[in-house]
Each structure stands twice: as C-alpha cells, then as structure tokens.
Amino acid sequence: MSAMLLSIKPRYAKVILEGKKQYEFRKSRPKDGVDRIIFYASSPQKEVVGEATIDKILEGTPKEIWEIAKTAAGITKKFYFSYYAGKDKAIAYKLKDVVIYEKPKALSDYGIRQAPQSFVYL
C-alpha cells in the first residue's frame, strides 16, 4: 500500500490530531492503493505533523456525505457546503489510527522540495 502527503491548514491539522475531525474532505479521489495520509500543516507552520490510516473513502453528493460525516466533520456546515459549491460529488476520507509526531518533520525528510498544492503521492 502507499501513502500521500496532504497539505492542510494548521487549524484543521490540529483538530484532526486532537480527534475532533475524523473526516478529511476533498474534491477528488486518490489512486487505488493509498491507505495512509501524512499531514503537512501549511503556512505559517510549514511542518509535517502527523499521519492517519484511511479507514474508508466515501463518495457521494455533498448532501449525502455531510449526512454521514457531520457529527465528526470538524468543520461547520456552512464551510463544508461552500467548499463543495457547484460540485455534484464529494469525497471524504474516514480517518483512524491518528499519530501525532512528537517532533514535526520537514518536507525534505520525504524528498520533497516544496509544499504540494493539494497532495503528493509518496
């Protein structure tokens, strides 16, 4: 199996690592075989802060996915629906086995020179 390094705003990385956000929402599905997400907290933090296993990947309309994930979404309904405005498909990664790195890592530890716009496969 493989992993992807995901750029995420520090405030959302924090709630994922605290266990308050158990879903990560995206507009596209990763390639088959990706089973782990490594979290890069973007500017101003700019550090790799932890990782999680993908329990399952949900795909459906934004409304369908919100109904499943809303109690552990870690974001507001308003923000969620603004993210998917004009889209007819939503993707949610259900996270489990979250690990907080005791000492955050640099992108260079993964052979990456600059932060990915969204994600990069490792």
PDB file of N, CA and C in Angstrom:
ATOM      1  N   MET A   1       0.840  -1.179   0.000  1.00  0.00           N
ATOM      2  CA  MET A   1       0.000   0.000   0.000  1.00  0.00           C
ATOM      3  C   MET A   1       0.885   1.242   0.000  1.00  0.00           C
ATOM      4  N   SER A   2       0.256   2.379  -0.213  1.00  0.00           N
ATOM      5  CA  SER A   2       1.053   3.592  -0.313  1.00  0.00           C
ATOM      6  C   SER A   2       0.420   4.732   0.484  1.00  0.00           C
ATOM      7  N   ALA A   3       1.151   5.838   0.510  1.00  0.00           N
ATOM      8  CA  ALA A   3       0.718   6.997   1.286  1.00  0.00           C
ATOM      9  C   ALA A   3       0.705   8.232   0.402  1.00  0.00           C
ATOM     10  N   MET A   4      -0.018   9.227   0.867  1.00  0.00           N
ATOM     11  CA  MET A   4       0.028  10.532   0.229  1.00  0.00           C
ATOM     12  C   MET A   4       0.276  11.577   1.305  1.00  0.00           C
ATOM     13  N   LEU A   5       1.028  12.589   0.912  1.00  0.00           N
ATOM     14  CA  LEU A   5       1.288  13.710   1.802  1.00  0.00           C
ATOM     15  C   LEU A   5       0.296  14.804   1.410  1.00  0.00           C
ATOM     16  N   LEU A   6      -0.489  15.231   2.373  1.00  0.00           N
ATOM     17  CA  LEU A   6      -1.594  16.154   2.128  1.00  0.00           C
ATOM     18  C   LEU A   6      -1.309  17.498   2.780  1.00  0.00           C
ATOM     19  N   SER A   7      -1.396  18.561   1.996  1.00  0.00           N
ATOM     20  CA  SER A   7      -1.291  19.913   2.554  1.00  0.00           C
ATOM     21  C   SER A   7      -2.618  20.262   3.203  1.00  0.00           C
ATOM     22  N   ILE A   8      -2.555  20.763   4.412  1.00  0.00           N
ATOM     23  CA  ILE A   8      -3.763  21.098   5.158  1.00  0.00           C
ATOM     24  C   ILE A   8      -3.477  22.312   6.040  1.00  0.00           C
ATOM     25  N   LYS A   9      -4.441  23.164   6.200  1.00  0.00           N
ATOM     26  CA  LYS A   9      -4.253  24.350   7.044  1.00  0.00           C
ATOM     27  C   LYS A   9      -3.998  23.906   8.476  1.00  0.00           C
ATOM     28  N   PRO A  10      -3.093  24.595   9.173  1.00  0.00           N
ATOM     29  CA  PRO A  10      -2.738  24.180  10.538  1.00  0.00           C
ATOM     30  C   PRO A  10      -3.931  23.995  11.477  1.00  0.00           C
ATOM     31  N   ARG A  11      -4.945  24.855  11.369  1.00  0.00           N
ATOM     32  CA  ARG A  11      -6.090  24.717  12.286  1.00  0.00           C
ATOM     33  C   ARG A  11      -6.837  23.408  12.055  1.00  0.00           C
ATOM     34  N   TYR A  12      -6.887  22.930  10.810  1.00  0.00           N
ATOM     35  CA  TYR A  12      -7.562  21.659  10.534  1.00  0.00           C
ATOM     36  C   TYR A  12      -6.679  20.466  10.900  1.00  0.00           C
ATOM     37  N   ALA A  13      -5.381  20.611  10.700  1.00  0.00           N
ATOM     38  CA  ALA A  13      -4.454  19.559  11.139  1.00  0.00           C
ATOM     39  C   ALA A  13      -4.585  19.364  12.647  1.00  0.00           C
ATOM     40  N   LYS A  14      -4.695  20.453  13.370  1.00  0.00           N
ATOM     41  CA  LYS A  14      -4.808  20.409  14.836  1.00  0.00           C
ATOM     42  C   LYS A  14      -6.049  19.631  15.268  1.00  0.00           C
ATOM     43  N   VAL A  15      -7.204  19.906  14.665  1.00  0.00           N
ATOM     44  CA  VAL A  15      -8.425  19.207  15.084  1.00  0.00           C
ATOM     45  C   VAL A  15      -8.427  17.739  14.640  1.00  0.00           C
ATOM     46  N   ILE A  16      -7.734  17.432  13.545  1.00  0.00           N
ATOM     47  CA  ILE A  16      -7.579  16.020  13.167  1.00  0.00           C
ATOM     48  C   ILE A  16      -6.733  15.311  14.215  1.00  0.00           C
ATOM     49  N   LEU A  17      -5.611  15.899  14.574  1.00  0.00           N
ATOM     50  CA  LEU A  17      -4.708  15.265  15.538  1.00  0.00           C
ATOM     51  C   LEU A  17      -5.325  15.171  16.930  1.00  0.00           C
ATOM     52  N   GLU A  18      -6.253  16.081  17.235  1.00  0.00           N
ATOM     53  CA  GLU A  18      -6.972  16.037  18.520  1.00  0.00           C
ATOM     54  C   GLU A  18      -8.136  15.040  18.492  1.00  0.00           C
ATOM     55  N   GLY A  19      -8.432  14.473  17.325  1.00  0.00           N
ATOM     56  CA  GLY A  19      -9.522  13.515  17.203  1.00  0.00           C
ATOM     57  C   GLY A  19     -10.896  14.140  17.024  1.00  0.00           C
ATOM     58  N   LYS A  20     -10.965  15.452  16.854  1.00  0.00           N
ATOM     59  CA  LYS A  20     -12.251  16.136  16.706  1.00  0.00           C
ATOM     60  C   LYS A  20     -12.730  16.159  15.256  1.00  0.00           C
ATOM     61  N   LYS A  21     -11.824  15.944  14.332  1.00  0.00           N
ATOM     62  CA  LYS A  21     -12.148  15.925  12.901  1.00  0.00           C
ATOM     63  C   LYS A  21     -11.734  14.547  12.391  1.00  0.00           C
ATOM     64  N   GLN A  22     -12.718  13.692  12.165  1.00  0.00           N
ATOM     65  CA  GLN A  22     -12.432  12.317  11.783  1.00  0.00           C
ATOM     66  C   GLN A  22     -12.590  12.060  10.289  1.00  0.00           C
ATOM     67  N   TYR A  23     -12.914  13.119   9.552  1.00  0.00           N
ATOM     68  CA  TYR A  23     -13.036  13.029   8.095  1.00  0.00           C
ATOM     69  C   TYR A  23     -12.230  14.149   7.464  1.00  0.00           C
ATOM     70  N   GLU A  24     -11.572  13.827   6.373  1.00  0.00           N
ATOM     71  CA  GLU A  24     -10.908  14.853   5.567  1.00  0.00           C
ATOM     72  C   GLU A  24     -11.642  14.892   4.244  1.00  0.00           C
ATOM     73  N   PHE A  25     -12.072  16.087   3.864  1.00  0.00           N
ATOM     74  CA  PHE A  25     -12.891  16.265   2.672  1.00  0.00           C
ATOM     75  C   PHE A  25     -12.049  16.762   1.513  1.00  0.00           C
ATOM     76  N   ARG A  26     -12.282  16.170   0.343  1.00  0.00           N
ATOM     77  CA  ARG A  26     -11.572  16.559  -0.868  1.00  0.00           C
ATOM     78  C   ARG A  26     -12.527  16.500  -2.046  1.00  0.00           C
ATOM     79  N   LYS A  27     -12.074  17.056  -3.157  1.00  0.00           N
ATOM     80  CA  LYS A  27     -12.897  17.074  -4.366  1.00  0.00           C
ATOM     81  C   LYS A  27     -12.527  15.954  -5.329  1.00  0.00           C
ATOM     82  N   SER A  28     -11.411  15.280  -5.075  1.00  0.00           N
ATOM     83  CA  SER A  28     -11.024  14.165  -5.939  1.00  0.00           C
ATOM     84  C   SER A  28     -10.563  12.984  -5.089  1.00  0.00           C
ATOM     85  N   ARG A  29     -10.693  11.819  -5.674  1.00  0.00           N
ATOM     86  CA  ARG A  29     -10.342  10.568  -5.007  1.00  0.00           C
ATOM     87  C   ARG A  29      -8.881  10.231  -5.327  1.00  0.00           C
ATOM     88  N   PRO A  30      -8.150   9.663  -4.361  1.00  0.00           N
ATOM     89  CA  PRO A  30      -6.763   9.273  -4.667  1.00  0.00           C
ATOM     90  C   PRO A  30      -6.750   8.001  -5.521  1.00  0.00           C
ATOM     91  N   LYS A  31      -5.580   7.705  -6.061  1.00  0.00           N
ATOM     92  CA  LYS A  31      -5.453   6.465  -6.828  1.00  0.00           C
ATOM     93  C   LYS A  31      -5.664   5.269  -5.900  1.00  0.00           C
ATOM     94  N   ASP A  32      -6.007   4.135  -6.476  1.00  0.00           N
ATOM     95  CA  ASP A  32      -6.204   2.923  -5.691  1.00  0.00           C
ATOM     96  C   ASP A  32      -4.913   2.548  -4.975  1.00  0.00           C
ATOM     97  N   GLY A  33      -5.060   2.007  -3.789  1.00  0.00           N
ATOM     98  CA  GLY A  33      -3.909   1.543  -3.031  1.00  0.00           C
ATOM     99  C   GLY A  33      -3.411   2.514  -1.982  1.00  0.00           C
ATOM    100  N   VAL A  34      -3.886   3.756  -1.994  1.00  0.00           N
ATOM    101  CA  VAL A  34      -3.471   4.710  -0.967  1.00  0.00           C
ATOM    102  C   VAL A  34      -4.241   4.379   0.311  1.00  0.00           C
ATOM    103  N   ASP A  35      -3.502   4.096   1.374  1.00  0.00           N
ATOM    104  CA  ASP A  35      -4.164   3.726   2.620  1.00  0.00           C
ATOM    105  C   ASP A  35      -3.724   4.573   3.817  1.00  0.00           C
ATOM    106  N   ARG A  36      -2.863   5.562   3.555  1.00  0.00           N
ATOM    107  CA  ARG A  36      -2.343   6.379   4.652  1.00  0.00           C
ATOM    108  C   ARG A  36      -2.174   7.819   4.180  1.00  0.00           C
ATOM    109  N   ILE A  37      -2.499   8.741   5.081  1.00  0.00           N
ATOM    110  CA  ILE A  37      -2.314  10.162   4.805  1.00  0.00           C
ATOM    111  C   ILE A  37      -1.305  10.712   5.798  1.00  0.00           C
ATOM    112  N   ILE A  38      -0.327  11.433   5.273  1.00  0.00           N
ATOM    113  CA  ILE A  38       0.645  12.142   6.101  1.00  0.00           C
ATOM    114  C   ILE A  38       0.277  13.617   5.997  1.00  0.00           C
ATOM    115  N   PHE A  39       0.134  14.273   7.140  1.00  0.00           N
ATOM    116  CA  PHE A  39      -0.375  15.644   7.177  1.00  0.00           C
ATOM    117  C   PHE A  39       0.736  16.678   7.241  1.00  0.00           C
ATOM    118  N   TYR A  40       0.737  17.556   6.241  1.00  0.00           N
ATOM    119  CA  TYR A  40       1.644  18.700   6.207  1.00  0.00           C
ATOM    120  C   TYR A  40       0.830  19.930   6.576  1.00  0.00           C
ATOM    121  N   ALA A  41       1.137  20.511   7.732  1.00  0.00           N
ATOM    122  CA  ALA A  41       0.470  21.741   8.153  1.00  0.00           C
ATOM    123  C   ALA A  41       1.111  22.890   7.380  1.00  0.00           C
ATOM    124  N   SER A  42       0.320  23.530   6.536  1.00  0.00           N
ATOM    125  CA  SER A  42       0.834  24.573   5.648  1.00  0.00           C
ATOM    126  C   SER A  42       1.175  25.852   6.404  1.00  0.00           C
ATOM    127  N   SER A  43       1.446  26.895   5.669  1.00  0.00           N
ATOM    128  CA  SER A  43       1.863  28.181   6.232  1.00  0.00           C
ATOM    129  C   SER A  43       0.864  28.680   7.275  1.00  0.00           C
ATOM    130  N   PRO A  44       1.285  29.226   8.369  1.00  0.00           N
ATOM    131  CA  PRO A  44       2.656  29.596   8.709  1.00  0.00           C
ATOM    132  C   PRO A  44       3.468  28.487   9.394  1.00  0.00           C
ATOM    133  N   GLN A  45       2.848  27.343   9.702  1.00  0.00           N
ATOM    134  CA  GLN A  45       3.545  26.288  10.439  1.00  0.00           C
ATOM    135  C   GLN A  45       4.608  25.594   9.600  1.00  0.00           C
ATOM    136  N   LYS A  46       4.243  25.134   8.424  1.00  0.00           N
ATOM    137  CA  LYS A  46       5.156  24.521   7.464  1.00  0.00           C
ATOM    138  C   LYS A  46       5.927  23.327   8.029  1.00  0.00           C
ATOM    139  N   GLU A  47       5.164  22.352   8.584  1.00  0.00           N
ATOM    140  CA  GLU A  47       5.775  21.150   9.143  1.00  0.00           C
ATOM    141  C   GLU A  47       4.874  19.944   8.888  1.00  0.00           C
ATOM    142  N   VAL A  48       5.493  18.770   8.798  1.00  0.00           N
ATOM    143  CA  VAL A  48       4.751  17.519   8.730  1.00  0.00           C
ATOM    144  C   VAL A  48       4.484  17.124  10.182  1.00  0.00           C
ATOM    145  N   VAL A  49       3.191  17.056  10.541  1.00  0.00           N
ATOM    146  CA  VAL A  49       2.821  16.977  11.956  1.00  0.00           C
ATOM    147  C   VAL A  49       2.247  15.640  12.413  1.00  0.00           C
ATOM    148  N   GLY A  50       1.855  14.789  11.463  1.00  0.00           N
ATOM    149  CA  GLY A  50       1.285  13.514  11.869  1.00  0.00           C
ATOM    150  C   GLY A  50       0.771  12.728  10.686  1.00  0.00           C
ATOM    151  N   GLU A  51       0.090  11.635  10.997  1.00  0.00           N
ATOM    152  CA  GLU A  51      -0.438  10.778   9.945  1.00  0.00           C
ATOM    153  C   GLU A  51      -1.652  10.013  10.445  1.00  0.00           C
ATOM    154  N   ALA A  52      -2.370   9.425   9.512  1.00  0.00           N
ATOM    155  CA  ALA A  52      -3.532   8.609   9.851  1.00  0.00           C
ATOM    156  C   ALA A  52      -3.733   7.553   8.778  1.00  0.00           C
ATOM    157  N   THR A  53      -4.375   6.486   9.161  1.00  0.00           N
ATOM    158  CA  THR A  53      -4.770   5.452   8.222  1.00  0.00           C
ATOM    159  C   THR A  53      -6.136   5.824   7.659  1.00  0.00           C
ATOM    160  N   ILE A  54      -6.337   5.548   6.382  1.00  0.00           N
ATOM    161  CA  ILE A  54      -7.650   5.754   5.777  1.00  0.00           C
ATOM    162  C   ILE A  54      -8.490   4.518   6.076  1.00  0.00           C
ATOM    163  N   ASP A  55      -9.527   4.692   6.882  1.00  0.00           N
ATOM    164  CA  ASP A  55     -10.430   3.605   7.231  1.00  0.00           C
ATOM    165  C   ASP A  55     -11.280   3.237   6.017  1.00  0.00           C
ATOM    166  N   LYS A  56     -11.851   4.269   5.378  1.00  0.00           N
ATOM    167  CA  LYS A  56     -12.599   4.073   4.140  1.00  0.00           C
ATOM    168  C   LYS A  56     -12.731   5.400   3.427  1.00  0.00           C
ATOM    169  N   ILE A  57     -13.035   5.324   2.144  1.00  0.00           N
ATOM    170  CA  ILE A  57     -13.239   6.523   1.336  1.00  0.00           C
ATOM    171  C   ILE A  57     -14.702   6.563   0.935  1.00  0.00           C
ATOM    172  N   LEU A  58     -15.363   7.635   1.326  1.00  0.00           N
ATOM    173  CA  LEU A  58     -16.774   7.819   0.992  1.00  0.00           C
ATOM    174  C   LEU A  58     -16.884   8.712  -0.231  1.00  0.00           C
ATOM    175  N   GLU A  59     -17.829   8.398  -1.085  1.00  0.00           N
ATOM    176  CA  GLU A  59     -18.051   9.198  -2.277  1.00  0.00           C
ATOM    177  C   GLU A  59     -19.553   9.318  -2.497  1.00  0.00           C
ATOM    178  N   GLY A  60     -20.014  10.533  -2.740  1.00  0.00           N
ATOM    179  CA  GLY A  60     -21.433  10.757  -2.966  1.00  0.00           C
ATOM    180  C   GLY A  60     -21.687  12.226  -3.223  1.00  0.00           C
ATOM    181  N   THR A  61     -22.937  12.617  -3.183  1.00  0.00           N
ATOM    182  CA  THR A  61     -23.241  14.032  -3.330  1.00  0.00           C
ATOM    183  C   THR A  61     -22.787  14.743  -2.057  1.00  0.00           C
ATOM    184  N   PRO A  62     -22.542  16.049  -2.141  1.00  0.00           N
ATOM    185  CA  PRO A  62     -22.179  16.768  -0.917  1.00  0.00           C
ATOM    186  C   PRO A  62     -23.204  16.568   0.212  1.00  0.00           C
ATOM    187  N   LYS A  63     -24.472  16.559  -0.131  1.00  0.00           N
ATOM    188  CA  LYS A  63     -25.515  16.368   0.889  1.00  0.00           C
ATOM    189  C   LYS A  63     -25.420  14.978   1.531  1.00  0.00           C
ATOM    190  N   GLU A  64     -25.237  13.942   0.712  1.00  0.00           N
ATOM    191  CA  GLU A  64     -25.132  12.568   1.233  1.00  0.00           C
ATOM    192  C   GLU A  64     -23.928  12.426   2.170  1.00  0.00           C
ATOM    193  N   ILE A  65     -22.789  12.955   1.753  1.00  0.00           N
ATOM    194  CA  ILE A  65     -21.576  12.831   2.567  1.00  0.00           C
ATOM    195  C   ILE A  65     -21.709  13.631   3.863  1.00  0.00           C
ATOM    196  N   TRP A  66     -22.312  14.814   3.801  1.00  0.00           N
ATOM    197  CA  TRP A  66     -22.499  15.609   5.020  1.00  0.00           C
ATOM    198  C   TRP A  66     -23.356  14.845   6.028  1.00  0.00           C
ATOM    199  N   GLU A  67     -24.405  14.205   5.570  1.00  0.00           N
ATOM    200  CA  GLU A  67     -25.289  13.462   6.478  1.00  0.00           C
ATOM    201  C   GLU A  67     -24.535  12.340   7.199  1.00  0.00           C
ATOM    202  N   ILE A  68     -23.592  11.727   6.529  1.00  0.00           N
ATOM    203  CA  ILE A  68     -22.794  10.652   7.140  1.00  0.00           C
ATOM    204  C   ILE A  68     -21.754  11.218   8.100  1.00  0.00           C
ATOM    205  N   ALA A  69     -21.093  12.286   7.704  1.00  0.00           N
ATOM    206  CA  ALA A  69     -19.898  12.764   8.410  1.00  0.00           C
ATOM    207  C   ALA A  69     -20.119  13.930   9.369  1.00  0.00           C
ATOM    208  N   LYS A  70     -21.286  14.538   9.371  1.00  0.00           N
ATOM    209  CA  LYS A  70     -21.477  15.811  10.071  1.00  0.00           C
ATOM    210  C   LYS A  70     -21.116  15.803  11.558  1.00  0.00           C
ATOM    211  N   THR A  71     -21.317  14.689  12.264  1.00  0.00           N
ATOM    212  CA  THR A  71     -21.033  14.692  13.702  1.00  0.00           C
ATOM    213  C   THR A  71     -19.542  14.633  14.014  1.00  0.00           C
ATOM    214  N   ALA A  72     -18.717  14.271  13.017  1.00  0.00           N
ATOM    215  CA  ALA A  72     -17.267  14.207  13.234  1.00  0.00           C
ATOM    216  C   ALA A  72     -16.524  14.928  12.118  1.00  0.00           C
ATOM    217  N   ALA A  73     -17.189  15.916  11.498  1.00  0.00           N
ATOM    218  CA  ALA A  73     -16.604  16.631  10.355  1.00  0.00           C
ATOM    219  C   ALA A  73     -15.497  17.584  10.770  1.00  0.00           C
ATOM    220  N   GLY A  74     -15.607  18.165  11.958  1.00  0.00           N
ATOM    221  CA  GLY A  74     -14.586  19.104  12.428  1.00  0.00           C
ATOM    222  C   GLY A  74     -14.630  20.456  11.735  1.00  0.00           C
ATOM    223  N   ILE A  75     -15.651  20.686  10.917  1.00  0.00           N
ATOM    224  CA  ILE A  75     -15.849  21.969  10.235  1.00  0.00           C
ATOM    225  C   ILE A  75     -17.335  22.300  10.297  1.00  0.00           C
ATOM    226  N   THR A  76     -17.660  23.534  10.010  1.00  0.00           N
ATOM    227  CA  THR A  76     -19.066  23.940  10.034  1.00  0.00           C
ATOM    228  C   THR A  76     -19.776  23.496   8.760  1.00  0.00           C
ATOM    229  N   LYS A  77     -21.080  23.376   8.873  1.00  0.00           N
ATOM    230  CA  LYS A  77     -21.908  23.033   7.717  1.00  0.00           C
ATOM    231  C   LYS A  77     -21.755  24.096   6.627  1.00  0.00           C
ATOM    232  N   LYS A  78     -21.709  25.349   7.041  1.00  0.00           N
ATOM    233  CA  LYS A  78     -21.579  26.459   6.085  1.00  0.00           C
ATOM    234  C   LYS A  78     -20.264  26.348   5.305  1.00  0.00           C
ATOM    235  N   PHE A  79     -19.163  26.111   6.015  1.00  0.00           N
ATOM    236  CA  PHE A  79     -17.863  25.972   5.360  1.00  0.00           C
ATOM    237  C   PHE A  79     -17.862  24.763   4.417  1.00  0.00           C
ATOM    238  N   TYR A  80     -18.411  23.650   4.877  1.00  0.00           N
ATOM    239  CA  TYR A  80     -18.466  22.426   4.076  1.00  0.00           C
ATOM    240  C   TYR A  80     -19.180  22.682   2.750  1.00  0.00           C
ATOM    241  N   PHE A  81     -20.373  23.255   2.830  1.00  0.00           N
ATOM    242  CA  PHE A  81     -21.140  23.457   1.602  1.00  0.00           C
ATOM    243  C   PHE A  81     -20.551  24.550   0.715  1.00  0.00           C
ATOM    244  N   SER A  82     -19.841  25.500   1.294  1.00  0.00           N
ATOM    245  CA  SER A  82     -19.168  26.494   0.443  1.00  0.00           C
ATOM    246  C   SER A  82     -17.992  25.840  -0.293  1.00  0.00           C
ATOM    247  N   TYR A  83     -17.325  24.883   0.343  1.00  0.00           N
ATOM    248  CA  TYR A  83     -16.220  24.156  -0.289  1.00  0.00           C
ATOM    249  C   TYR A  83     -16.714  23.371  -1.515  1.00  0.00           C
ATOM    250  N   TYR A  84     -17.902  22.793  -1.394  1.00  0.00           N
ATOM    251  CA  TYR A  84     -18.451  21.988  -2.486  1.00  0.00           C
ATOM    252  C   TYR A  84     -19.440  22.750  -3.376  1.00  0.00           C
ATOM    253  N   ALA A  85     -19.496  24.056  -3.264  1.00  0.00           N
ATOM    254  CA  ALA A  85     -20.427  24.856  -4.075  1.00  0.00           C
ATOM    255  C   ALA A  85     -20.219  24.560  -5.562  1.00  0.00           C
ATOM    256  N   GLY A  86     -21.303  24.243  -6.251  1.00  0.00           N
ATOM    257  CA  GLY A  86     -21.242  23.970  -7.677  1.00  0.00           C
ATOM    258  C   GLY A  86     -20.755  22.570  -8.030  1.00  0.00           C
ATOM    259  N   LYS A  87     -20.445  21.762  -7.028  1.00  0.00           N
ATOM    260  CA  LYS A  87     -19.956  20.392  -7.272  1.00  0.00           C
ATOM    261  C   LYS A  87     -21.079  19.393  -7.015  1.00  0.00           C
ATOM    262  N   ASP A  88     -21.087  18.315  -7.784  1.00  0.00           N
ATOM    263  CA  ASP A  88     -22.096  17.289  -7.549  1.00  0.00           C
ATOM    264  C   ASP A  88     -21.515  16.037  -6.890  1.00  0.00           C
ATOM    265  N   LYS A  89     -20.206  16.074  -6.601  1.00  0.00           N
ATOM    266  CA  LYS A  89     -19.548  14.935  -5.972  1.00  0.00           C
ATOM    267  C   LYS A  89     -18.664  15.411  -4.821  1.00  0.00           C
ATOM    268  N   ALA A  90     -18.719  14.676  -3.721  1.00  0.00           N
ATOM    269  CA  ALA A  90     -17.865  14.941  -2.567  1.00  0.00           C
ATOM    270  C   ALA A  90     -17.128  13.655  -2.199  1.00  0.00           C
ATOM    271  N   ILE A  91     -15.900  13.817  -1.736  1.00  0.00           N
ATOM    272  CA  ILE A  91     -15.076  12.695  -1.281  1.00  0.00           C
ATOM    273  C   ILE A  91     -14.722  12.963   0.184  1.00  0.00           C
ATOM    274  N   ALA A  92     -14.843  11.925   1.010  1.00  0.00           N
ATOM    275  CA  ALA A  92     -14.453  12.049   2.409  1.00  0.00           C
ATOM    276  C   ALA A  92     -13.578  10.854   2.777  1.00  0.00           C
ATOM    277  N   TYR A  93     -12.414  11.149   3.334  1.00  0.00           N
ATOM    278  CA  TYR A  93     -11.549  10.090   3.859  1.00  0.00           C
ATOM    279  C   TYR A  93     -11.897   9.925   5.326  1.00  0.00           C
ATOM    280  N   LYS A  94     -12.390   8.757   5.707  1.00  0.00           N
ATOM    281  CA  LYS A  94     -12.660   8.447   7.107  1.00  0.00           C
ATOM    282  C   LYS A  94     -11.328   8.023   7.707  1.00  0.00           C
ATOM    283  N   LEU A  95     -10.904   8.735   8.753  1.00  0.00           N
ATOM    284  CA  LEU A  95      -9.582   8.525   9.337  1.00  0.00           C
ATOM    285  C   LEU A  95      -9.632   7.651  10.581  1.00  0.00           C
ATOM    286  N   LYS A  96      -8.566   6.900  10.793  1.00  0.00           N
ATOM    287  CA  LYS A  96      -8.409   6.121  12.028  1.00  0.00           C
ATOM    288  C   LYS A  96      -6.923   6.033  12.342  1.00  0.00           C
ATOM    289  N   ASP A  97      -6.602   5.568  13.534  1.00  0.00           N
ATOM    290  CA  ASP A  97      -5.209   5.366  13.963  1.00  0.00           C
ATOM    291  C   ASP A  97      -4.360   6.615  13.725  1.00  0.00           C
ATOM    292  N   VAL A  98      -4.838   7.740  14.210  1.00  0.00           N
ATOM    293  CA  VAL A  98      -4.130   9.012  14.048  1.00  0.00           C
ATOM    294  C   VAL A  98      -2.886   9.026  14.931  1.00  0.00           C
ATOM    295  N   VAL A  99      -1.774   9.444  14.352  1.00  0.00           N
ATOM    296  CA  VAL A  99      -0.494   9.532  15.059  1.00  0.00           C
ATOM    297  C   VAL A  99      -0.007  10.972  14.994  1.00  0.00           C
ATOM    298  N   ILE A 100       0.301  11.530  16.150  1.00  0.00           N
ATOM    299  CA  ILE A 100       0.892  12.869  16.219  1.00  0.00           C
ATOM    300  C   ILE A 100       2.400  12.681  16.321  1.00  0.00           C
ATOM    301  N   TYR A 101       3.136  13.331  15.438  1.00  0.00           N
ATOM    302  CA  TYR A 101       4.588  13.241  15.523  1.00  0.00           C
ATOM    303  C   TYR A 101       5.072  14.061  16.717  1.00  0.00           C
ATOM    304  N   GLU A 102       5.827  13.402  17.591  1.00  0.00           N
ATOM    305  CA  GLU A 102       6.367  14.093  18.764  1.00  0.00           C
ATOM    306  C   GLU A 102       7.246  15.263  18.336  1.00  0.00           C
ATOM    307  N   LYS A 103       8.025  15.020  17.289  1.00  0.00           N
ATOM    308  CA  LYS A 103       8.861  16.070  16.708  1.00  0.00           C
ATOM    309  C   LYS A 103       8.444  16.211  15.247  1.00  0.00           C
ATOM    310  N   PRO A 104       7.819  17.339  14.881  1.00  0.00           N
ATOM    311  CA  PRO A 104       7.401  17.519  13.486  1.00  0.00           C
ATOM    312  C   PRO A 104       8.571  17.342  12.521  1.00  0.00           C
ATOM    313  N   LYS A 105       8.246  16.911  11.308  1.00  0.00           N
ATOM    314  CA  LYS A 105       9.257  16.652  10.290  1.00  0.00           C
ATOM    315  C   LYS A 105       9.215  17.722   9.204  1.00  0.00           C
ATOM    316  N   ALA A 106      10.279  17.786   8.443  1.00  0.00           N
ATOM    317  CA  ALA A 106      10.365  18.721   7.317  1.00  0.00           C
ATOM    318  C   ALA A 106       9.985  17.985   6.031  1.00  0.00           C
ATOM    319  N   LEU A 107       9.554  18.743   5.040  1.00  0.00           N
ATOM    320  CA  LEU A 107       9.252  18.143   3.735  1.00  0.00           C
ATOM    321  C   LEU A 107      10.476  17.433   3.167  1.00  0.00           C
ATOM    322  N   SER A 108      11.648  17.981   3.426  1.00  0.00           N
ATOM    323  CA  SER A 108      12.882  17.387   2.905  1.00  0.00           C
ATOM    324  C   SER A 108      13.105  15.969   3.447  1.00  0.00           C
ATOM    325  N   ASP A 109      12.522  15.646   4.605  1.00  0.00           N
ATOM    326  CA  ASP A 109      12.618  14.287   5.140  1.00  0.00           C
ATOM    327  C   ASP A 109      11.940  13.278   4.223  1.00  0.00           C
ATOM    328  N   TYR A 110      11.071  13.758   3.354  1.00  0.00           N
ATOM    329  CA  TYR A 110      10.346  12.910   2.400  1.00  0.00           C
ATOM    330  C   TYR A 110      10.843  13.109   0.975  1.00  0.00           C
ATOM    331  N   GLY A 111      11.934  13.868   0.819  1.00  0.00           N
ATOM    332  CA  GLY A 111      12.473  14.137  -0.505  1.00  0.00           C
ATOM    333  C   GLY A 111      11.650  15.136  -1.302  1.00  0.00           C
ATOM    334  N   ILE A 112      10.907  15.973  -0.597  1.00  0.00           N
ATOM    335  CA  ILE A 112      10.039  16.960  -1.239  1.00  0.00           C
ATOM    336  C   ILE A 112      10.623  18.344  -1.018  1.00  0.00           C
ATOM    337  N   ARG A 113      10.710  19.128  -2.097  1.00  0.00           N
ATOM    338  CA  ARG A 113      11.321  20.459  -2.008  1.00  0.00           C
ATOM    339  C   ARG A 113      10.336  21.559  -1.637  1.00  0.00           C
ATOM    340  N   GLN A 114       9.107  21.458  -2.157  1.00  0.00           N
ATOM    341  CA  GLN A 114       8.136  22.490  -1.812  1.00  0.00           C
ATOM    342  C   GLN A 114       6.780  21.852  -1.553  1.00  0.00           C
ATOM    343  N   ALA A 115       5.971  22.565  -0.790  1.00  0.00           N
ATOM    344  CA  ALA A 115       4.671  22.039  -0.389  1.00  0.00           C
ATOM    345  C   ALA A 115       3.787  21.784  -1.599  1.00  0.00           C
ATOM    346  N   PRO A 116       3.103  20.645  -1.610  1.00  0.00           N
ATOM    347  CA  PRO A 116       2.180  20.385  -2.713  1.00  0.00           C
ATOM    348  C   PRO A 116       0.954  21.288  -2.609  1.00  0.00           C
ATOM    349  N   GLN A 117       0.377  21.624  -3.757  1.00  0.00           N
ATOM    350  CA  GLN A 117      -0.834  22.438  -3.794  1.00  0.00           C
ATOM    351  C   GLN A 117      -1.965  21.744  -3.030  1.00  0.00           C
ATOM    352  N   SER A 118      -2.112  20.452  -3.255  1.00  0.00           N
ATOM    353  CA  SER A 118      -3.143  19.673  -2.588  1.00  0.00           C
ATOM    354  C   SER A 118      -2.512  18.450  -1.903  1.00  0.00           C
ATOM    355  N   PHE A 119      -1.945  17.547  -2.713  1.00  0.00           N
ATOM    356  CA  PHE A 119      -1.279  16.376  -2.166  1.00  0.00           C
ATOM    357  C   PHE A 119      -0.256  15.853  -3.147  1.00  0.00           C
ATOM    358  N   VAL A 120       0.600  14.965  -2.649  1.00  0.00           N
ATOM    359  CA  VAL A 120       1.581  14.277  -3.492  1.00  0.00           C
ATOM    360  C   VAL A 120       1.668  12.845  -3.001  1.00  0.00           C
ATOM    361  N   TYR A 121       1.792  11.904  -3.942  1.00  0.00           N
ATOM    362  CA  TYR A 121       1.946  10.501  -3.560  1.00  0.00           C
ATOM    363  C   TYR A 121       3.374  10.249  -3.112  1.00  0.00           C
ATOM    364  N   LEU A 122       3.513   9.418  -2.090  1.00  0.00           N
ATOM    365  CA  LEU A 122       4.855   9.076  -1.585  1.00  0.00           C
ATOM    366  C   LEU A 122       5.187   7.641  -1.974  1.00  0.00           C
TER     367      LEU A 122
END
